[in-house]
Amino acid sequence: MRRWIEQGLPRRLAGEPALQRVEVLPGSCVVKSGEAGTLRVTAVYTDGSQRDVTGRTIFQSSDSPIAAIDAAAVFRPVPWLAKQR
């Protein structure tokens, strides 16, 4: 711990793969009234390794009057919209 502090509290180890990109699947989809879908978030690193980071992701709808998403990455149309269709 002391050495880590003396090194300036680096967040990564030397030579450790860096995050290259984050993939969210499905990229797009259509969810009908009464249906739901689930997102999956994958971190891809410079060494080619991948890690499912869905459980470490915070989700928020960009159009909350139309669609909702919960902490488990399950998305669905909002209930009032489903009743009108």
Foldseek 3Di string as FASTA:
>chain_A
DVVCVVVVVDPDDVPDWDFDDKDKPPPDDDAAQPGKDAIWIWTATPVGDIDTCLLVDDDDDPDVQFKGADSRRIMDGDNVVSVVD
